[in-house]
Structure formats: C-alpha cells, structure tokens
Amino acid sequence: MGRFADKVVAITGAGGGIGRSHALAFAREGARVVVNDWARTRDGVEESDNSAQSVVDEIHQLGGTAVANINSVADAQGASAIIKFATESYGRIDIVINNAGILRDRTIKKMTPDEWSMVLDVHLTGSFLVLQAASRQMIEQADGGVIINTTSTSGLLGNFGQANYGAAKSGIAGLTRVAALELARHNIRVNAIAPLAKTRMTGELDGVAEGLLPEYVSPLVMYLASPTAEKVTGRVFGVWGNRIHEYYYISSAGVQKEGETPWTIEEIAEQWETITARPVPETTLGLI
C-alpha cells in the first residue's frame, strides 16, 4: 500500500525539478497527489508547456494517482483554488508542500520594483496564501496535517544579486516558525527545508554541482510528512545531496551594562569583542 496510502498531498511548483521529485516520491508511496504548476518559465513571464500534466502522466505510468492544477499561488483566489481542487478531487487534504518559485536576479541598485514584488508575491506571499488556505481546511477536517515550506540559503545566509529572492526566503523561515506555533493546537505541523539541487532554477549556477539531484531532497520531505516526525515542527533543515543539517537562530552571550544610563559609543567600542563573542549552547534562543 505504501507509507502514504490514502493521504492527499498537494505540491506547488511540481512541474519540474524538486517539486516533480516530491510528486513522484509520494505517488510511489501510495499518496494521491495534486501536481500544481503555474506553467511559466523560471522568470514567471512566458508561458511554458503544461508541465503539471506531464508529471501527472508520469505518475499514472507508475500506477499512481494524481491530478494536475495550474492555479497561481501568488494571489488569494489561486491559492485557495489549489486546496479546493484537492478537496474536490479527493475529499480532503493531508499534506501541503510549498515549493513554487521564480527568479529575477539583479543587484539592488538595478532591481526594479516589479522584479522585487513579483518574486516576493510567488515565494513569500504564495507560501502564506497556500498555507492559510490549507490550514483552514485541515482545521475543518479536525484531524491534523502537515505543511512543509521551502526556504533557501539565499535567505538564511545571503547571496549576491538575490535581494528579492533572499528576502522572500528569509520571510518563509519566519512564517514557518509562527505558523508552527499557531497551528500546534490543531495538530498541524509546519517545517521548512532549504534544499540545494541542480534544477531549472539553478541550472546556470556554477556553484551547484551536477550531482546534486532533486531526488536527494525528497526523502527528507517525506520523513517530515510522516508520523515518524510527529514531534518535529517549527524547524528548518538543509539538504545538499546526501548531507542533511538543521539551521538555528542563536545569540551571543552579550554584555549587560550595569546602572540605568544608556550605553555610550565609546563603551560599546570597548566591549565589542565580548558583545560579539562566539555563542555557547546555553545562549541558543531556539530553533528556527
């Protein structure tokens, strides 16, 4: 039957790359899959082939169950339509993977407002809108669920020429943490992954090795979606090939100034090395 037999999984941006890998992996384990893809090129402008249907065809050839959906995640109507389509197709929604994305790389001084907003609309706003629609449906079903977002090292660590993408991906990490806190009482778990893989999105980047295939990412997603990870929520994991790690927000020990007078510039300068000293485990503020 498979580990995810009878589970309904909706995956955005699943027409290729990492999303396609997720869709095929869940289908092989018995899930009923909604393959969402906006049918656009990686910059989100020109129409491309109906890649969602192509992935659905692949799943059918494997003997799996899947339907295609081409709604955009970037507006509330489209995001809600994805979840409505899933419930109309299969009666419910159990797992949602926010994976849709586009790129409009440019340095800050050259980036246009449209290039900024379009990337945030798809990545950050899209993740929020799909998460919102999915969580409402899961709460109505009253038996929990799983939402997995996709962030990036560009947002967690930074990357030249990706102010829009980095800001969106950093926001997704924050969204993940807040959503996990709010939805815990409904037994809905929310985590995020920061994958590195050779796909259409990263095909022109020399720093991404050819051997970093999307298929290395999907096992972590399936683990996070499974009952085995029932206590894992509000966290961000990196996956680069066969290397899996976790990202943390941490604080240095810092310096507490005695008395009630504010710091002076000179005092801060004198204490700078101590203020910024390497953190120790006791100062960890919590997992992202």
C-alpha atoms as a PDB file:
ATOM      1  CA  MET A   1       0.000   0.000   0.000  1.00  0.00           C
ATOM      2  CA  GLY A   2       2.834   2.426   0.721  1.00  0.00           C
ATOM      3  CA  ARG A   3       3.681   4.718   3.625  1.00  0.00           C
ATOM      4  CA  PHE A   4       1.302   7.440   2.432  1.00  0.00           C
ATOM      5  CA  ALA A   5      -1.573   5.278   1.217  1.00  0.00           C
ATOM      6  CA  ASP A   6      -4.807   7.310   1.002  1.00  0.00           C
ATOM      7  CA  LYS A   7      -3.061  10.545   2.018  1.00  0.00           C
ATOM      8  CA  VAL A   8      -3.756  13.577  -0.175  1.00  0.00           C
ATOM      9  CA  VAL A   9      -0.675  15.644  -0.972  1.00  0.00           C
ATOM     10  CA  ALA A  10      -0.668  18.988  -2.797  1.00  0.00           C
ATOM     11  CA  ILE A  11       2.687  20.195  -4.131  1.00  0.00           C
ATOM     12  CA  THR A  12       3.123  23.628  -5.693  1.00  0.00           C
ATOM     13  CA  GLY A  13       5.680  24.173  -8.419  1.00  0.00           C
ATOM     14  CA  ALA A  14       5.699  20.441  -9.064  1.00  0.00           C
ATOM     15  CA  GLY A  15       6.023  20.549 -12.845  1.00  0.00           C
ATOM     16  CA  GLY A  16       9.767  20.020 -12.701  1.00  0.00           C
ATOM     17  CA  GLY A  17      12.868  19.867 -10.543  1.00  0.00           C
ATOM     18  CA  ILE A  18      12.445  19.355  -6.810  1.00  0.00           C
ATOM     19  CA  GLY A  19       8.654  19.566  -6.906  1.00  0.00           C
ATOM     20  CA  ARG A  20       8.436  16.862  -9.561  1.00  0.00           C
ATOM     21  CA  SER A  21      10.717  14.664  -7.464  1.00  0.00           C
ATOM     22  CA  HIS A  22       8.419  15.139  -4.450  1.00  0.00           C
ATOM     23  CA  ALA A  23       5.337  14.295  -6.511  1.00  0.00           C
ATOM     24  CA  LEU A  24       6.820  11.080  -7.880  1.00  0.00           C
ATOM     25  CA  ALA A  25       8.153  10.029  -4.471  1.00  0.00           C
ATOM     26  CA  PHE A  26       4.812  10.472  -2.712  1.00  0.00           C
ATOM     27  CA  ALA A  27       2.953   8.770  -5.538  1.00  0.00           C
ATOM     28  CA  ARG A  28       5.242   5.744  -5.283  1.00  0.00           C
ATOM     29  CA  GLU A  29       4.282   5.513  -1.616  1.00  0.00           C
ATOM     30  CA  GLY A  30       0.574   5.456  -2.349  1.00  0.00           C
ATOM     31  CA  ALA A  31      -0.357   9.131  -1.922  1.00  0.00           C
ATOM     32  CA  ARG A  32      -2.983  10.825  -4.057  1.00  0.00           C
ATOM     33  CA  VAL A  33      -1.101  13.787  -5.474  1.00  0.00           C
ATOM     34  CA  VAL A  34      -2.182  17.222  -6.680  1.00  0.00           C
ATOM     35  CA  VAL A  35       0.559  18.398  -9.032  1.00  0.00           C
ATOM     36  CA  ASN A  36       0.374  22.195  -9.157  1.00  0.00           C
ATOM     37  CA  ASP A  37       2.427  24.252 -11.575  1.00  0.00           C
ATOM     38  CA  TRP A  38       1.758  27.685 -12.995  1.00  0.00           C
ATOM     39  CA  ALA A  39       3.004  26.693 -16.478  1.00  0.00           C
ATOM     40  CA  ARG A  40       5.509  29.538 -16.689  1.00  0.00           C
ATOM     41  CA  THR A  41       9.242  29.766 -17.381  1.00  0.00           C
ATOM     42  CA  ARG A  42      11.575  30.254 -14.414  1.00  0.00           C
ATOM     43  CA  ASP A  43      11.290  34.058 -14.582  1.00  0.00           C
ATOM     44  CA  GLY A  44       7.500  33.762 -14.329  1.00  0.00           C
ATOM     45  CA  VAL A  45       6.746  35.658 -17.534  1.00  0.00           C
ATOM     46  CA  GLU A  46       6.356  33.437 -20.584  1.00  0.00           C
ATOM     47  CA  GLU A  47       4.004  30.503 -20.752  1.00  0.00           C
ATOM     48  CA  SER A  48       5.609  27.083 -20.968  1.00  0.00           C
ATOM     49  CA  ASP A  49       4.258  23.626 -21.667  1.00  0.00           C
ATOM     50  CA  ASN A  50       1.740  22.148 -19.230  1.00  0.00           C
ATOM     51  CA  SER A  51       4.439  20.530 -17.132  1.00  0.00           C
ATOM     52  CA  ALA A  52       1.978  19.663 -14.353  1.00  0.00           C
ATOM     53  CA  GLN A  53       0.094  17.332 -16.662  1.00  0.00           C
ATOM     54  CA  SER A  54       3.367  15.803 -17.828  1.00  0.00           C
ATOM     55  CA  VAL A  55       4.215  14.864 -14.242  1.00  0.00           C
ATOM     56  CA  VAL A  56       0.702  13.508 -13.730  1.00  0.00           C
ATOM     57  CA  ASP A  57       1.207  11.344 -16.814  1.00  0.00           C
ATOM     58  CA  GLU A  58       4.447  10.027 -15.321  1.00  0.00           C
ATOM     59  CA  ILE A  59       2.650   9.154 -12.098  1.00  0.00           C
ATOM     60  CA  HIS A  60      -0.104   7.355 -13.987  1.00  0.00           C
ATOM     61  CA  GLN A  61       2.522   5.330 -15.830  1.00  0.00           C
ATOM     62  CA  LEU A  62       3.849   4.255 -12.433  1.00  0.00           C
ATOM     63  CA  GLY A  63       0.376   3.123 -11.453  1.00  0.00           C
ATOM     64  CA  GLY A  64      -0.136   6.077  -9.111  1.00  0.00           C
ATOM     65  CA  THR A  65      -2.955   8.553  -8.604  1.00  0.00           C
ATOM     66  CA  ALA A  66      -2.576  12.247  -9.468  1.00  0.00           C
ATOM     67  CA  VAL A  67      -4.321  15.267 -10.953  1.00  0.00           C
ATOM     68  CA  ALA A  68      -2.883  18.446 -12.481  1.00  0.00           C
ATOM     69  CA  ASN A  69      -3.609  22.007 -11.377  1.00  0.00           C
ATOM     70  CA  ILE A  70      -2.323  25.256 -12.948  1.00  0.00           C
ATOM     71  CA  ASN A  71      -3.533  27.905 -10.487  1.00  0.00           C
ATOM     72  CA  SER A  72      -1.069  30.588  -9.405  1.00  0.00           C
ATOM     73  CA  VAL A  73      -0.033  30.711  -5.754  1.00  0.00           C
ATOM     74  CA  ALA A  74       0.586  34.455  -5.939  1.00  0.00           C
ATOM     75  CA  ASP A  75      -2.990  35.585  -5.316  1.00  0.00           C
ATOM     76  CA  ALA A  76      -5.565  34.527  -2.744  1.00  0.00           C
ATOM     77  CA  GLN A  77      -8.041  33.225  -5.294  1.00  0.00           C
ATOM     78  CA  GLY A  78      -5.472  30.983  -6.970  1.00  0.00           C
ATOM     79  CA  ALA A  79      -4.028  29.680  -3.704  1.00  0.00           C
ATOM     80  CA  SER A  80      -7.470  28.853  -2.338  1.00  0.00           C
ATOM     81  CA  ALA A  81      -8.360  27.187  -5.636  1.00  0.00           C
ATOM     82  CA  ILE A  82      -5.437  24.763  -5.264  1.00  0.00           C
ATOM     83  CA  ILE A  83      -6.713  23.497  -1.921  1.00  0.00           C
ATOM     84  CA  LYS A  84     -10.336  23.495  -3.093  1.00  0.00           C
ATOM     85  CA  PHE A  85      -9.293  21.471  -6.149  1.00  0.00           C
ATOM     86  CA  ALA A  86      -7.548  18.940  -3.887  1.00  0.00           C
ATOM     87  CA  THR A  87     -10.600  18.505  -1.668  1.00  0.00           C
ATOM     88  CA  GLU A  88     -12.977  18.311  -4.616  1.00  0.00           C
ATOM     89  CA  SER A  89     -10.736  15.721  -6.277  1.00  0.00           C
ATOM     90  CA  TYR A  90     -10.013  13.537  -3.249  1.00  0.00           C
ATOM     91  CA  GLY A  91     -12.286  14.680  -0.428  1.00  0.00           C
ATOM     92  CA  ARG A  92      -9.599  16.134   1.865  1.00  0.00           C
ATOM     93  CA  ILE A  93      -6.046  17.493   2.172  1.00  0.00           C
ATOM     94  CA  ASP A  94      -3.392  15.976   4.444  1.00  0.00           C
ATOM     95  CA  ILE A  95      -0.020  17.315   3.316  1.00  0.00           C
ATOM     96  CA  VAL A  96       0.946  20.534   1.529  1.00  0.00           C
ATOM     97  CA  ILE A  97       4.391  21.312   0.181  1.00  0.00           C
ATOM     98  CA  ASN A  98       5.053  24.931  -0.764  1.00  0.00           C
ATOM     99  CA  ASN A  99       7.669  24.631  -3.479  1.00  0.00           C
ATOM    100  CA  ALA A 100       6.656  27.104  -6.227  1.00  0.00           C
ATOM    101  CA  GLY A 101       9.221  29.739  -7.143  1.00  0.00           C
ATOM    102  CA  ILE A 102      10.651  32.075  -9.762  1.00  0.00           C
ATOM    103  CA  LEU A 103      13.865  34.049 -10.107  1.00  0.00           C
ATOM    104  CA  ARG A 104      14.511  37.656 -11.091  1.00  0.00           C
ATOM    105  CA  ASP A 105      18.145  38.047 -10.086  1.00  0.00           C
ATOM    106  CA  ARG A 106      19.624  41.549 -10.197  1.00  0.00           C
ATOM    107  CA  THR A 107      21.756  43.721  -7.938  1.00  0.00           C
ATOM    108  CA  ILE A 108      19.907  46.050  -5.587  1.00  0.00           C
ATOM    109  CA  LYS A 109      20.845  49.227  -7.467  1.00  0.00           C
ATOM    110  CA  LYS A 110      19.449  47.819 -10.730  1.00  0.00           C
ATOM    111  CA  MET A 111      16.417  45.908  -9.449  1.00  0.00           C
ATOM    112  CA  THR A 112      13.030  47.307 -10.470  1.00  0.00           C
ATOM    113  CA  PRO A 113      10.034  47.420  -8.127  1.00  0.00           C
ATOM    114  CA  ASP A 114       8.277  44.862 -10.336  1.00  0.00           C
ATOM    115  CA  GLU A 115      11.228  42.465 -10.116  1.00  0.00           C
ATOM    116  CA  TRP A 116      11.169  42.838  -6.347  1.00  0.00           C
ATOM    117  CA  SER A 117       7.434  42.380  -5.877  1.00  0.00           C
ATOM    118  CA  MET A 118       6.960  39.547  -8.364  1.00  0.00           C
ATOM    119  CA  VAL A 119       9.471  37.309  -6.574  1.00  0.00           C
ATOM    120  CA  LEU A 120       8.016  38.095  -3.146  1.00  0.00           C
ATOM    121  CA  ASP A 121       4.489  37.517  -4.459  1.00  0.00           C
ATOM    122  CA  VAL A 122       5.303  33.999  -5.624  1.00  0.00           C
ATOM    123  CA  HIS A 123       7.643  32.851  -2.867  1.00  0.00           C
ATOM    124  CA  LEU A 124       6.591  34.586   0.349  1.00  0.00           C
ATOM    125  CA  THR A 125       3.012  35.681  -0.280  1.00  0.00           C
ATOM    126  CA  GLY A 126       2.347  32.467  -2.192  1.00  0.00           C
ATOM    127  CA  SER A 127       3.606  30.343   0.683  1.00  0.00           C
ATOM    128  CA  PHE A 128       1.446  32.295   3.123  1.00  0.00           C
ATOM    129  CA  LEU A 129      -1.706  32.112   0.996  1.00  0.00           C
ATOM    130  CA  VAL A 130      -1.428  28.382   0.322  1.00  0.00           C
ATOM    131  CA  LEU A 131      -0.566  27.712   3.973  1.00  0.00           C
ATOM    132  CA  GLN A 132      -3.548  29.784   5.087  1.00  0.00           C
ATOM    133  CA  ALA A 133      -5.977  28.005   2.770  1.00  0.00           C
ATOM    134  CA  ALA A 134      -4.569  24.577   3.641  1.00  0.00           C
ATOM    135  CA  SER A 135      -4.612  25.165   7.402  1.00  0.00           C
ATOM    136  CA  ARG A 136      -8.230  26.337   7.287  1.00  0.00           C
ATOM    137  CA  GLN A 137      -9.221  23.127   5.526  1.00  0.00           C
ATOM    138  CA  MET A 138      -7.133  20.985   7.883  1.00  0.00           C
ATOM    139  CA  ILE A 139      -8.709  22.652  10.925  1.00  0.00           C
ATOM    140  CA  GLU A 140     -12.156  21.959   9.481  1.00  0.00           C
ATOM    141  CA  GLN A 141     -11.210  18.300   8.977  1.00  0.00           C
ATOM    142  CA  ALA A 142     -10.155  18.229  12.654  1.00  0.00           C
ATOM    143  CA  ASP A 143      -7.508  15.519  12.325  1.00  0.00           C
ATOM    144  CA  GLY A 144      -4.288  17.465  11.816  1.00  0.00           C
ATOM    145  CA  GLY A 145      -1.996  17.811   8.861  1.00  0.00           C
ATOM    146  CA  VAL A 146       1.477  18.683   7.631  1.00  0.00           C
ATOM    147  CA  ILE A 147       2.754  21.766   5.809  1.00  0.00           C
ATOM    148  CA  ILE A 148       6.316  21.957   4.509  1.00  0.00           C
ATOM    149  CA  ASN A 149       7.687  25.247   3.182  1.00  0.00           C
ATOM    150  CA  THR A 150      10.750  25.793   1.028  1.00  0.00           C
ATOM    151  CA  THR A 151      13.292  28.397   2.082  1.00  0.00           C
ATOM    152  CA  SER A 152      16.885  28.797   0.853  1.00  0.00           C
ATOM    153  CA  THR A 153      20.421  29.573   1.949  1.00  0.00           C
ATOM    154  CA  SER A 154      19.968  32.822  -0.010  1.00  0.00           C
ATOM    155  CA  GLY A 155      17.515  33.869   2.681  1.00  0.00           C
ATOM    156  CA  LEU A 156      19.228  32.265   5.653  1.00  0.00           C
ATOM    157  CA  LEU A 157      22.810  33.194   4.757  1.00  0.00           C
ATOM    158  CA  GLY A 158      22.548  35.670   1.859  1.00  0.00           C
ATOM    159  CA  ASN A 159      23.596  35.575  -1.781  1.00  0.00           C
ATOM    160  CA  PHE A 160      24.837  38.259  -4.168  1.00  0.00           C
ATOM    161  CA  GLY A 161      22.245  39.556  -6.628  1.00  0.00           C
ATOM    162  CA  GLN A 162      19.252  37.978  -4.902  1.00  0.00           C
ATOM    163  CA  ALA A 163      17.812  40.667  -2.633  1.00  0.00           C
ATOM    164  CA  ASN A 164      14.247  39.836  -3.683  1.00  0.00           C
ATOM    165  CA  TYR A 165      14.689  36.072  -3.505  1.00  0.00           C
ATOM    166  CA  GLY A 166      16.702  36.237  -0.272  1.00  0.00           C
ATOM    167  CA  ALA A 167      14.165  38.499   1.425  1.00  0.00           C
ATOM    168  CA  ALA A 168      11.334  36.187   0.402  1.00  0.00           C
ATOM    169  CA  LYS A 169      13.118  33.061   1.559  1.00  0.00           C
ATOM    170  CA  SER A 170      14.108  34.634   4.876  1.00  0.00           C
ATOM    171  CA  GLY A 171      10.470  35.586   5.359  1.00  0.00           C
ATOM    172  CA  ILE A 172       9.417  31.991   4.710  1.00  0.00           C
ATOM    173  CA  ALA A 173      11.624  30.826   7.589  1.00  0.00           C
ATOM    174  CA  GLY A 174       9.874  33.298   9.895  1.00  0.00           C
ATOM    175  CA  LEU A 175       6.465  32.343   8.554  1.00  0.00           C
ATOM    176  CA  THR A 176       7.243  28.696   9.265  1.00  0.00           C
ATOM    177  CA  ARG A 177       8.053  29.371  12.904  1.00  0.00           C
ATOM    178  CA  VAL A 178       4.955  31.496  13.516  1.00  0.00           C
ATOM    179  CA  ALA A 179       2.644  29.073  11.720  1.00  0.00           C
ATOM    180  CA  ALA A 180       4.039  26.159  13.745  1.00  0.00           C
ATOM    181  CA  LEU A 181       3.271  27.990  16.987  1.00  0.00           C
ATOM    182  CA  GLU A 182      -0.249  28.983  15.940  1.00  0.00           C
ATOM    183  CA  LEU A 183      -1.265  25.656  14.416  1.00  0.00           C
ATOM    184  CA  ALA A 184       0.190  23.293  17.019  1.00  0.00           C
ATOM    185  CA  ARG A 185      -3.087  23.138  18.944  1.00  0.00           C
ATOM    186  CA  HIS A 186      -4.754  21.837  15.790  1.00  0.00           C
ATOM    187  CA  ASN A 187      -2.135  19.094  15.395  1.00  0.00           C
ATOM    188  CA  ILE A 188      -0.817  20.723  12.228  1.00  0.00           C
ATOM    189  CA  ARG A 189       2.952  20.562  11.911  1.00  0.00           C
ATOM    190  CA  VAL A 190       4.853  23.181   9.888  1.00  0.00           C
ATOM    191  CA  ASN A 191       8.517  22.848   8.920  1.00  0.00           C
ATOM    192  CA  ALA A 192      10.769  24.155   6.164  1.00  0.00           C
ATOM    193  CA  ILE A 193      13.598  22.847   4.051  1.00  0.00           C
ATOM    194  CA  ALA A 194      16.473  24.737   2.440  1.00  0.00           C
ATOM    195  CA  PRO A 195      17.476  22.475  -0.446  1.00  0.00           C
ATOM    196  CA  LEU A 196      20.354  22.698  -2.880  1.00  0.00           C
ATOM    197  CA  ALA A 197      19.852  20.850  -6.143  1.00  0.00           C
ATOM    198  CA  LYS A 198      20.539  21.175  -9.858  1.00  0.00           C
ATOM    199  CA  THR A 199      17.227  22.203 -11.420  1.00  0.00           C
ATOM    200  CA  ARG A 200      15.829  24.634 -13.987  1.00  0.00           C
ATOM    201  CA  MET A 201      16.087  27.338 -11.305  1.00  0.00           C
ATOM    202  CA  THR A 202      19.766  26.680 -10.565  1.00  0.00           C
ATOM    203  CA  GLY A 203      20.886  25.331 -13.936  1.00  0.00           C
ATOM    204  CA  GLU A 204      23.061  28.362 -14.727  1.00  0.00           C
ATOM    205  CA  LEU A 205      24.776  28.498 -11.333  1.00  0.00           C
ATOM    206  CA  ASP A 206      28.299  27.076 -11.412  1.00  0.00           C
ATOM    207  CA  GLY A 207      28.297  26.564  -7.638  1.00  0.00           C
ATOM    208  CA  VAL A 208      25.598  23.895  -7.817  1.00  0.00           C
ATOM    209  CA  ALA A 209      27.183  20.559  -8.697  1.00  0.00           C
ATOM    210  CA  GLU A 210      25.582  18.372 -11.349  1.00  0.00           C
ATOM    211  CA  GLY A 211      25.424  15.506  -8.876  1.00  0.00           C
ATOM    212  CA  LEU A 212      23.079  17.391  -6.527  1.00  0.00           C
ATOM    213  CA  LEU A 213      19.925  15.846  -7.925  1.00  0.00           C
ATOM    214  CA  PRO A 214      16.399  16.759  -6.752  1.00  0.00           C
ATOM    215  CA  GLU A 215      15.880  13.120  -5.770  1.00  0.00           C
ATOM    216  CA  TYR A 216      18.209  13.655  -2.799  1.00  0.00           C
ATOM    217  CA  VAL A 217      15.803  16.255  -1.357  1.00  0.00           C
ATOM    218  CA  SER A 218      12.538  14.317  -1.359  1.00  0.00           C
ATOM    219  CA  PRO A 219      13.397  11.710   1.328  1.00  0.00           C
ATOM    220  CA  LEU A 220      13.726  14.477   3.940  1.00  0.00           C
ATOM    221  CA  VAL A 221      10.368  15.937   2.909  1.00  0.00           C
ATOM    222  CA  MET A 222       8.745  12.522   3.156  1.00  0.00           C
ATOM    223  CA  TYR A 223      10.258  11.996   6.604  1.00  0.00           C
ATOM    224  CA  LEU A 224       8.907  15.358   7.807  1.00  0.00           C
ATOM    225  CA  ALA A 225       5.485  14.473   6.391  1.00  0.00           C
ATOM    226  CA  SER A 226       5.415  11.065   8.056  1.00  0.00           C
ATOM    227  CA  PRO A 227       4.182  10.054  11.533  1.00  0.00           C
ATOM    228  CA  THR A 228       7.809   9.322  12.408  1.00  0.00           C
ATOM    229  CA  ALA A 229       8.334  13.097  12.667  1.00  0.00           C
ATOM    230  CA  GLU A 230       5.162  13.720  14.684  1.00  0.00           C
ATOM    231  CA  LYS A 231       7.004  15.867  17.241  1.00  0.00           C
ATOM    232  CA  VAL A 232       9.019  17.889  14.706  1.00  0.00           C
ATOM    233  CA  THR A 233       7.589  21.343  13.980  1.00  0.00           C
ATOM    234  CA  GLY A 234       8.749  24.934  13.560  1.00  0.00           C
ATOM    235  CA  ARG A 235      12.182  23.930  12.277  1.00  0.00           C
ATOM    236  CA  VAL A 236      14.334  24.471   9.187  1.00  0.00           C
ATOM    237  CA  PHE A 237      16.531  21.768   7.650  1.00  0.00           C
ATOM    238  CA  GLY A 238      19.112  21.978   4.911  1.00  0.00           C
ATOM    239  CA  VAL A 239      19.638  19.163   2.436  1.00  0.00           C
ATOM    240  CA  TRP A 240      22.556  19.187  -0.003  1.00  0.00           C
ATOM    241  CA  GLY A 241      22.864  15.861  -1.733  1.00  0.00           C
ATOM    242  CA  ASN A 242      23.177  13.238   0.995  1.00  0.00           C
ATOM    243  CA  ARG A 243      24.016  15.839   3.671  1.00  0.00           C
ATOM    244  CA  ILE A 244      21.167  16.877   5.987  1.00  0.00           C
ATOM    245  CA  HIS A 245      21.595  19.556   8.658  1.00  0.00           C
ATOM    246  CA  GLU A 246      19.497  21.932  10.746  1.00  0.00           C
ATOM    247  CA  TYR A 247      19.569  25.727  10.912  1.00  0.00           C
ATOM    248  CA  TYR A 248      19.305  27.573  14.226  1.00  0.00           C
ATOM    249  CA  TYR A 249      18.799  31.152  15.350  1.00  0.00           C
ATOM    250  CA  ILE A 250      21.344  31.775  18.123  1.00  0.00           C
ATOM    251  CA  SER A 251      22.565  34.711  20.187  1.00  0.00           C
ATOM    252  CA  SER A 252      25.944  35.563  21.622  1.00  0.00           C
ATOM    253  CA  ALA A 253      26.122  35.780  25.415  1.00  0.00           C
ATOM    254  CA  GLY A 254      26.222  39.561  25.092  1.00  0.00           C
ATOM    255  CA  VAL A 255      27.059  42.132  27.765  1.00  0.00           C
ATOM    256  CA  GLN A 256      24.679  43.620  30.341  1.00  0.00           C
ATOM    257  CA  LYS A 257      25.712  47.150  31.322  1.00  0.00           C
ATOM    258  CA  GLU A 258      25.310  47.978  34.999  1.00  0.00           C
ATOM    259  CA  GLY A 259      23.281  51.002  36.071  1.00  0.00           C
ATOM    260  CA  GLU A 260      20.465  52.852  34.326  1.00  0.00           C
ATOM    261  CA  THR A 261      22.343  55.124  31.925  1.00  0.00           C
ATOM    262  CA  PRO A 262      22.328  54.093  28.251  1.00  0.00           C
ATOM    263  CA  TRP A 263      25.432  52.808  26.549  1.00  0.00           C
ATOM    264  CA  THR A 264      27.799  55.309  25.005  1.00  0.00           C
ATOM    265  CA  ILE A 265      29.510  54.748  21.667  1.00  0.00           C
ATOM    266  CA  GLU A 266      32.843  54.519  23.462  1.00  0.00           C
ATOM    267  CA  GLU A 267      31.577  51.898  25.919  1.00  0.00           C
ATOM    268  CA  ILE A 268      30.170  49.794  23.095  1.00  0.00           C
ATOM    269  CA  ALA A 269      33.506  50.004  21.280  1.00  0.00           C
ATOM    270  CA  GLU A 270      35.358  48.887  24.430  1.00  0.00           C
ATOM    271  CA  GLN A 271      33.054  45.872  24.882  1.00  0.00           C
ATOM    272  CA  TRP A 272      32.637  44.992  21.211  1.00  0.00           C
ATOM    273  CA  GLU A 273      34.731  41.818  21.286  1.00  0.00           C
ATOM    274  CA  THR A 274      32.773  40.497  24.263  1.00  0.00           C
ATOM    275  CA  ILE A 275      29.400  41.537  22.839  1.00  0.00           C
ATOM    276  CA  THR A 276      30.109  39.632  19.630  1.00  0.00           C
ATOM    277  CA  ALA A 277      31.950  36.670  21.165  1.00  0.00           C
ATOM    278  CA  ARG A 278      31.228  33.206  19.768  1.00  0.00           C
ATOM    279  CA  PRO A 279      27.978  31.881  21.260  1.00  0.00           C
ATOM    280  CA  VAL A 280      27.794  28.934  23.587  1.00  0.00           C
ATOM    281  CA  PRO A 281      24.935  26.381  23.645  1.00  0.00           C
ATOM    282  CA  GLU A 282      23.315  27.951  26.704  1.00  0.00           C
ATOM    283  CA  THR A 283      22.590  31.140  24.704  1.00  0.00           C
ATOM    284  CA  THR A 284      20.583  29.386  21.994  1.00  0.00           C
ATOM    285  CA  LEU A 285      17.323  31.270  21.541  1.00  0.00           C
ATOM    286  CA  GLY A 286      15.549  28.391  19.857  1.00  0.00           C
ATOM    287  CA  LEU A 287      15.169  26.553  16.614  1.00  0.00           C
ATOM    288  CA  ILE A 288      14.001  28.412  13.554  1.00  0.00           C
END
